[in-house]
Amino acid sequence: MHFSPPASSLRRSACIAPQLRTSAAHFSTSTTRQTRNQVFDRVRDPASLSTYLSLSAKSSTPLLTLFTAGYCPTCRHVLPLVKQLVSSGVGDDATTNGVNFAEVEFDAPDNMELGQRYMITSLPTLLGFDGRREEVVARLVDGRKLADKQFLEEWIWEQAKRGGGGGGGGSSGEQGLFGGLFGSWKSQ
């Protein structure tokens, strides 16, 4: 005697049958190096900048801030370039702690105080904060230099190498004491 299950149970068992899943493991013989550079969220109030400065100081990592505004066409060109350079690891190697970066929205309602505090007189302005003392050690305001990828790479490396050893309000040849209000200052 031959037993055959009803057709309805065959259909049900086909639905219950275990599915075979395949997966592939990917591997590489070369190591991928993760950059220590960090790109923070936009600064829309002074408390955010204070937090980023504290985080950077705790890790002895310079903080780069780009002051921008929605009405600034040069800012829209420079911002993606700076972000891309920092994200790709410019300024990070075995001799540095890398750099951190944050865009500061100059036209945010609560950020006018920051513009006054850091003497922002033109946009975009790229500031380099010391990695230990939370003070401005470099300022870049020349739009042509800010749009020059090679110059920016060198500037970011200079800030990274400065690490926590900057100070004194100096800069990379752009402006000096008091944000350049009284011309360039050089020690004799």
C-alpha atoms as a PDB file:
ATOM      1  CA  MET A   1       0.000   0.000   0.000  1.00  0.00           C
ATOM      2  CA  HIS A   2       1.324   3.340  -1.020  1.00  0.00           C
ATOM      3  CA  PHE A   3       0.625   6.383   1.111  1.00  0.00           C
ATOM      4  CA  SER A   4       0.550   9.835  -0.471  1.00  0.00           C
ATOM      5  CA  PRO A   5      -0.020  12.935   1.611  1.00  0.00           C
ATOM      6  CA  PRO A   6      -2.829  15.257   0.664  1.00  0.00           C
ATOM      7  CA  ALA A   7      -1.899  18.029  -1.788  1.00  0.00           C
ATOM      8  CA  SER A   8      -2.639  20.756   0.775  1.00  0.00           C
ATOM      9  CA  SER A   9       0.043  19.462   3.143  1.00  0.00           C
ATOM     10  CA  LEU A  10       2.604  19.460   0.322  1.00  0.00           C
ATOM     11  CA  ARG A  11       1.976  23.125  -0.327  1.00  0.00           C
ATOM     12  CA  ARG A  12       2.289  23.909   3.357  1.00  0.00           C
ATOM     13  CA  SER A  13       5.531  21.995   3.769  1.00  0.00           C
ATOM     14  CA  ALA A  14       7.032  23.832   0.796  1.00  0.00           C
ATOM     15  CA  CYS A  15       6.322  27.090   2.605  1.00  0.00           C
ATOM     16  CA  ILE A  16       7.865  25.824   5.813  1.00  0.00           C
ATOM     17  CA  ALA A  17      10.996  24.378   4.198  1.00  0.00           C
ATOM     18  CA  PRO A  18      14.125  26.100   5.452  1.00  0.00           C
ATOM     19  CA  GLN A  19      15.609  28.707   3.174  1.00  0.00           C
ATOM     20  CA  LEU A  20      19.261  28.339   2.372  1.00  0.00           C
ATOM     21  CA  ARG A  21      21.151  31.554   2.877  1.00  0.00           C
ATOM     22  CA  THR A  22      24.528  32.220   1.485  1.00  0.00           C
ATOM     23  CA  SER A  23      26.884  34.924   2.545  1.00  0.00           C
ATOM     24  CA  ALA A  24      30.326  35.925   1.498  1.00  0.00           C
ATOM     25  CA  ALA A  25      33.033  37.227   3.753  1.00  0.00           C
ATOM     26  CA  HIS A  26      35.067  40.049   2.305  1.00  0.00           C
ATOM     27  CA  PHE A  27      38.688  40.386   3.204  1.00  0.00           C
ATOM     28  CA  SER A  28      41.629  42.412   2.109  1.00  0.00           C
ATOM     29  CA  THR A  29      45.344  41.978   2.421  1.00  0.00           C
ATOM     30  CA  SER A  30      45.901  45.678   2.984  1.00  0.00           C
ATOM     31  CA  THR A  31      44.803  47.434   6.120  1.00  0.00           C
ATOM     32  CA  THR A  32      42.482  50.392   5.926  1.00  0.00           C
ATOM     33  CA  ARG A  33      43.669  53.197   8.137  1.00  0.00           C
ATOM     34  CA  GLN A  34      40.981  55.111   9.941  1.00  0.00           C
ATOM     35  CA  THR A  35      41.639  58.814  10.286  1.00  0.00           C
ATOM     36  CA  ARG A  36      41.477  60.391  13.720  1.00  0.00           C
ATOM     37  CA  ASN A  37      40.172  63.592  12.168  1.00  0.00           C
ATOM     38  CA  GLN A  38      36.618  64.421  13.166  1.00  0.00           C
ATOM     39  CA  VAL A  39      34.024  66.571  11.439  1.00  0.00           C
ATOM     40  CA  PHE A  40      31.574  67.868  14.035  1.00  0.00           C
ATOM     41  CA  ASP A  41      28.000  69.040  13.470  1.00  0.00           C
ATOM     42  CA  ARG A  42      27.382  72.682  12.584  1.00  0.00           C
ATOM     43  CA  VAL A  43      27.762  75.228  15.351  1.00  0.00           C
ATOM     44  CA  ARG A  44      24.478  77.101  15.783  1.00  0.00           C
ATOM     45  CA  ASP A  45      25.102  78.442  19.293  1.00  0.00           C
ATOM     46  CA  PRO A  46      28.110  79.320  21.468  1.00  0.00           C
ATOM     47  CA  ALA A  47      27.574  76.287  23.734  1.00  0.00           C
ATOM     48  CA  SER A  48      28.226  73.914  20.818  1.00  0.00           C
ATOM     49  CA  LEU A  49      31.514  75.618  19.992  1.00  0.00           C
ATOM     50  CA  SER A  50      32.504  75.490  23.652  1.00  0.00           C
ATOM     51  CA  THR A  51      31.799  71.748  23.705  1.00  0.00           C
ATOM     52  CA  TYR A  52      33.884  71.142  20.570  1.00  0.00           C
ATOM     53  CA  LEU A  53      36.743  73.220  21.981  1.00  0.00           C
ATOM     54  CA  SER A  54      36.676  71.177  25.201  1.00  0.00           C
ATOM     55  CA  LEU A  55      36.632  67.868  23.320  1.00  0.00           C
ATOM     56  CA  SER A  56      39.541  69.001  21.169  1.00  0.00           C
ATOM     57  CA  ALA A  57      41.535  70.244  24.162  1.00  0.00           C
ATOM     58  CA  LYS A  58      41.051  66.941  26.013  1.00  0.00           C
ATOM     59  CA  SER A  59      42.594  65.069  23.093  1.00  0.00           C
ATOM     60  CA  SER A  60      45.221  67.775  22.337  1.00  0.00           C
ATOM     61  CA  THR A  61      43.782  68.057  18.843  1.00  0.00           C
ATOM     62  CA  PRO A  62      43.554  71.407  17.052  1.00  0.00           C
ATOM     63  CA  LEU A  63      40.037  72.527  16.137  1.00  0.00           C
ATOM     64  CA  LEU A  64      39.499  74.197  12.773  1.00  0.00           C
ATOM     65  CA  THR A  65      36.362  76.303  12.429  1.00  0.00           C
ATOM     66  CA  LEU A  66      35.004  77.764   9.217  1.00  0.00           C
ATOM     67  CA  PHE A  67      32.707  80.734   9.761  1.00  0.00           C
ATOM     68  CA  THR A  68      30.091  80.719   6.988  1.00  0.00           C
ATOM     69  CA  ALA A  69      26.727  82.256   6.142  1.00  0.00           C
ATOM     70  CA  GLY A  70      23.885  81.213   3.889  1.00  0.00           C
ATOM     71  CA  TYR A  71      24.253  84.371   1.792  1.00  0.00           C
ATOM     72  CA  CYS A  72      27.986  83.797   1.128  1.00  0.00           C
ATOM     73  CA  PRO A  73      28.714  82.197  -2.282  1.00  0.00           C
ATOM     74  CA  THR A  74      32.414  81.683  -1.504  1.00  0.00           C
ATOM     75  CA  CYS A  75      31.424  79.818   1.669  1.00  0.00           C
ATOM     76  CA  ARG A  76      29.376  77.357  -0.388  1.00  0.00           C
ATOM     77  CA  HIS A  77      32.484  76.604  -2.458  1.00  0.00           C
ATOM     78  CA  VAL A  78      35.021  76.439   0.389  1.00  0.00           C
ATOM     79  CA  LEU A  79      33.006  74.412   2.939  1.00  0.00           C
ATOM     80  CA  PRO A  80      32.838  71.136   0.954  1.00  0.00           C
ATOM     81  CA  LEU A  81      36.540  71.423   0.117  1.00  0.00           C
ATOM     82  CA  VAL A  82      37.608  71.823   3.754  1.00  0.00           C
ATOM     83  CA  LYS A  83      35.264  69.024   4.897  1.00  0.00           C
ATOM     84  CA  GLN A  84      36.593  66.687   2.210  1.00  0.00           C
ATOM     85  CA  LEU A  85      40.217  67.386   3.133  1.00  0.00           C
ATOM     86  CA  VAL A  86      39.628  66.822   6.852  1.00  0.00           C
ATOM     87  CA  SER A  87      37.506  63.701   6.245  1.00  0.00           C
ATOM     88  CA  SER A  88      40.156  62.216   3.961  1.00  0.00           C
ATOM     89  CA  GLY A  89      42.790  62.403   6.707  1.00  0.00           C
ATOM     90  CA  VAL A  90      44.768  65.516   5.788  1.00  0.00           C
ATOM     91  CA  GLY A  91      46.675  66.458   8.941  1.00  0.00           C
ATOM     92  CA  ASP A  92      46.614  62.986  10.472  1.00  0.00           C
ATOM     93  CA  ASP A  93      49.719  60.826  10.647  1.00  0.00           C
ATOM     94  CA  ALA A  94      51.906  59.167  13.272  1.00  0.00           C
ATOM     95  CA  THR A  95      53.405  62.514  14.337  1.00  0.00           C
ATOM     96  CA  THR A  96      50.121  64.366  14.943  1.00  0.00           C
ATOM     97  CA  ASN A  97      46.765  63.909  16.657  1.00  0.00           C
ATOM     98  CA  GLY A  98      44.978  64.958  13.494  1.00  0.00           C
ATOM     99  CA  VAL A  99      42.491  67.834  13.432  1.00  0.00           C
ATOM    100  CA  ASN A 100      38.853  68.391  14.276  1.00  0.00           C
ATOM    101  CA  PHE A 101      36.573  70.559  12.155  1.00  0.00           C
ATOM    102  CA  ALA A 102      33.300  72.410  12.664  1.00  0.00           C
ATOM    103  CA  GLU A 103      31.382  74.832  10.490  1.00  0.00           C
ATOM    104  CA  VAL A 104      30.144  77.869  12.431  1.00  0.00           C
ATOM    105  CA  GLU A 105      26.940  79.370  11.036  1.00  0.00           C
ATOM    106  CA  PHE A 106      27.725  83.053  11.391  1.00  0.00           C
ATOM    107  CA  ASP A 107      24.150  84.034  10.503  1.00  0.00           C
ATOM    108  CA  ALA A 108      22.548  81.793  13.154  1.00  0.00           C
ATOM    109  CA  PRO A 109      20.672  84.016  15.641  1.00  0.00           C
ATOM    110  CA  ASP A 110      22.792  83.031  18.645  1.00  0.00           C
ATOM    111  CA  ASN A 111      26.181  83.209  16.918  1.00  0.00           C
ATOM    112  CA  MET A 112      26.609  86.979  16.599  1.00  0.00           C
ATOM    113  CA  GLU A 113      28.457  86.870  19.923  1.00  0.00           C
ATOM    114  CA  LEU A 114      30.975  84.431  18.406  1.00  0.00           C
ATOM    115  CA  GLY A 115      31.587  86.784  15.499  1.00  0.00           C
ATOM    116  CA  GLN A 116      32.445  89.565  17.923  1.00  0.00           C
ATOM    117  CA  ARG A 117      34.509  87.350  20.217  1.00  0.00           C
ATOM    118  CA  TYR A 118      36.694  86.056  17.380  1.00  0.00           C
ATOM    119  CA  MET A 119      36.710  89.315  15.370  1.00  0.00           C
ATOM    120  CA  ILE A 120      35.097  87.859  12.256  1.00  0.00           C
ATOM    121  CA  THR A 121      35.106  90.714   9.745  1.00  0.00           C
ATOM    122  CA  SER A 122      34.758  88.773   6.488  1.00  0.00           C
ATOM    123  CA  LEU A 123      33.346  85.474   5.322  1.00  0.00           C
ATOM    124  CA  PRO A 124      34.459  82.809   4.979  1.00  0.00           C
ATOM    125  CA  THR A 125      36.991  82.844   7.819  1.00  0.00           C
ATOM    126  CA  LEU A 126      38.907  79.729   8.806  1.00  0.00           C
ATOM    127  CA  LEU A 127      40.232  79.747  12.368  1.00  0.00           C
ATOM    128  CA  GLY A 128      42.683  77.303  13.889  1.00  0.00           C
ATOM    129  CA  PHE A 129      42.323  76.804  17.645  1.00  0.00           C
ATOM    130  CA  ASP A 130      45.189  75.551  19.770  1.00  0.00           C
ATOM    131  CA  GLY A 131      44.828  71.910  20.747  1.00  0.00           C
ATOM    132  CA  ARG A 132      45.291  72.596  24.464  1.00  0.00           C
ATOM    133  CA  ARG A 133      44.400  76.143  25.390  1.00  0.00           C
ATOM    134  CA  GLU A 134      41.221  76.780  23.379  1.00  0.00           C
ATOM    135  CA  GLU A 135      42.620  79.956  21.825  1.00  0.00           C
ATOM    136  CA  VAL A 136      42.919  81.086  18.221  1.00  0.00           C
ATOM    137  CA  VAL A 137      46.408  80.492  16.838  1.00  0.00           C
ATOM    138  CA  ALA A 138      45.762  80.858  13.103  1.00  0.00           C
ATOM    139  CA  ARG A 139      43.364  82.775  10.883  1.00  0.00           C
ATOM    140  CA  LEU A 140      42.785  82.503   7.145  1.00  0.00           C
ATOM    141  CA  VAL A 141      40.482  84.976   5.393  1.00  0.00           C
ATOM    142  CA  ASP A 142      41.797  85.198   1.824  1.00  0.00           C
ATOM    143  CA  GLY A 143      39.077  83.681  -0.383  1.00  0.00           C
ATOM    144  CA  ARG A 144      41.554  82.701  -3.105  1.00  0.00           C
ATOM    145  CA  LYS A 145      43.712  80.783  -0.625  1.00  0.00           C
ATOM    146  CA  LEU A 146      40.641  79.170   0.938  1.00  0.00           C
ATOM    147  CA  ALA A 147      39.612  77.902  -2.509  1.00  0.00           C
ATOM    148  CA  ASP A 148      43.124  76.588  -3.307  1.00  0.00           C
ATOM    149  CA  LYS A 149      43.153  72.877  -2.423  1.00  0.00           C
ATOM    150  CA  GLN A 150      46.948  72.583  -2.252  1.00  0.00           C
ATOM    151  CA  PHE A 151      47.282  75.668  -0.042  1.00  0.00           C
ATOM    152  CA  LEU A 152      44.518  74.387   2.266  1.00  0.00           C
ATOM    153  CA  GLU A 153      46.204  70.988   2.594  1.00  0.00           C
ATOM    154  CA  GLU A 154      49.446  72.672   3.637  1.00  0.00           C
ATOM    155  CA  TRP A 155      47.586  74.978   6.050  1.00  0.00           C
ATOM    156  CA  ILE A 156      45.754  72.051   7.672  1.00  0.00           C
ATOM    157  CA  TRP A 157      49.029  70.113   8.025  1.00  0.00           C
ATOM    158  CA  GLU A 158      50.611  73.170   9.642  1.00  0.00           C
ATOM    159  CA  GLN A 159      47.786  73.330  12.196  1.00  0.00           C
ATOM    160  CA  ALA A 160      47.972  69.584  12.872  1.00  0.00           C
ATOM    161  CA  LYS A 161      51.727  69.730  13.437  1.00  0.00           C
ATOM    162  CA  ARG A 162      51.243  72.675  15.747  1.00  0.00           C
ATOM    163  CA  GLY A 163      49.061  70.341  17.820  1.00  0.00           C
ATOM    164  CA  GLY A 164      48.860  71.694  21.293  1.00  0.00           C
ATOM    165  CA  GLY A 165      51.991  73.780  21.021  1.00  0.00           C
ATOM    166  CA  GLY A 166      50.591  76.976  19.516  1.00  0.00           C
ATOM    167  CA  GLY A 167      49.555  80.082  21.318  1.00  0.00           C
ATOM    168  CA  GLY A 168      50.044  83.797  21.297  1.00  0.00           C
ATOM    169  CA  GLY A 169      47.414  84.634  18.688  1.00  0.00           C
ATOM    170  CA  GLY A 170      49.865  84.306  15.813  1.00  0.00           C
ATOM    171  CA  SER A 171      48.985  82.942  12.438  1.00  0.00           C
ATOM    172  CA  SER A 172      50.320  81.413   9.283  1.00  0.00           C
ATOM    173  CA  GLY A 173      51.330  84.702   7.732  1.00  0.00           C
ATOM    174  CA  GLU A 174      47.799  85.946   7.260  1.00  0.00           C
ATOM    175  CA  GLN A 175      47.087  88.213  10.209  1.00  0.00           C
ATOM    176  CA  GLY A 176      48.662  88.838  13.528  1.00  0.00           C
ATOM    177  CA  LEU A 177      47.859  90.199  16.927  1.00  0.00           C
ATOM    178  CA  PHE A 178      44.257  91.442  17.425  1.00  0.00           C
ATOM    179  CA  GLY A 179      43.053  89.563  14.347  1.00  0.00           C
ATOM    180  CA  GLY A 180      44.949  91.873  12.000  1.00  0.00           C
ATOM    181  CA  LEU A 181      43.044  95.020  12.984  1.00  0.00           C
ATOM    182  CA  PHE A 182      46.285  96.965  13.288  1.00  0.00           C
ATOM    183  CA  GLY A 183      48.297  95.259  10.580  1.00  0.00           C
ATOM    184  CA  SER A 184      50.716  92.413  10.849  1.00  0.00           C
ATOM    185  CA  TRP A 185      52.719  91.886  14.033  1.00  0.00           C
ATOM    186  CA  LYS A 186      56.022  90.067  14.135  1.00  0.00           C
ATOM    187  CA  SER A 187      58.354  89.637  17.062  1.00  0.00           C
ATOM    188  CA  GLN A 188      61.808  91.112  16.550  1.00  0.00           C
END
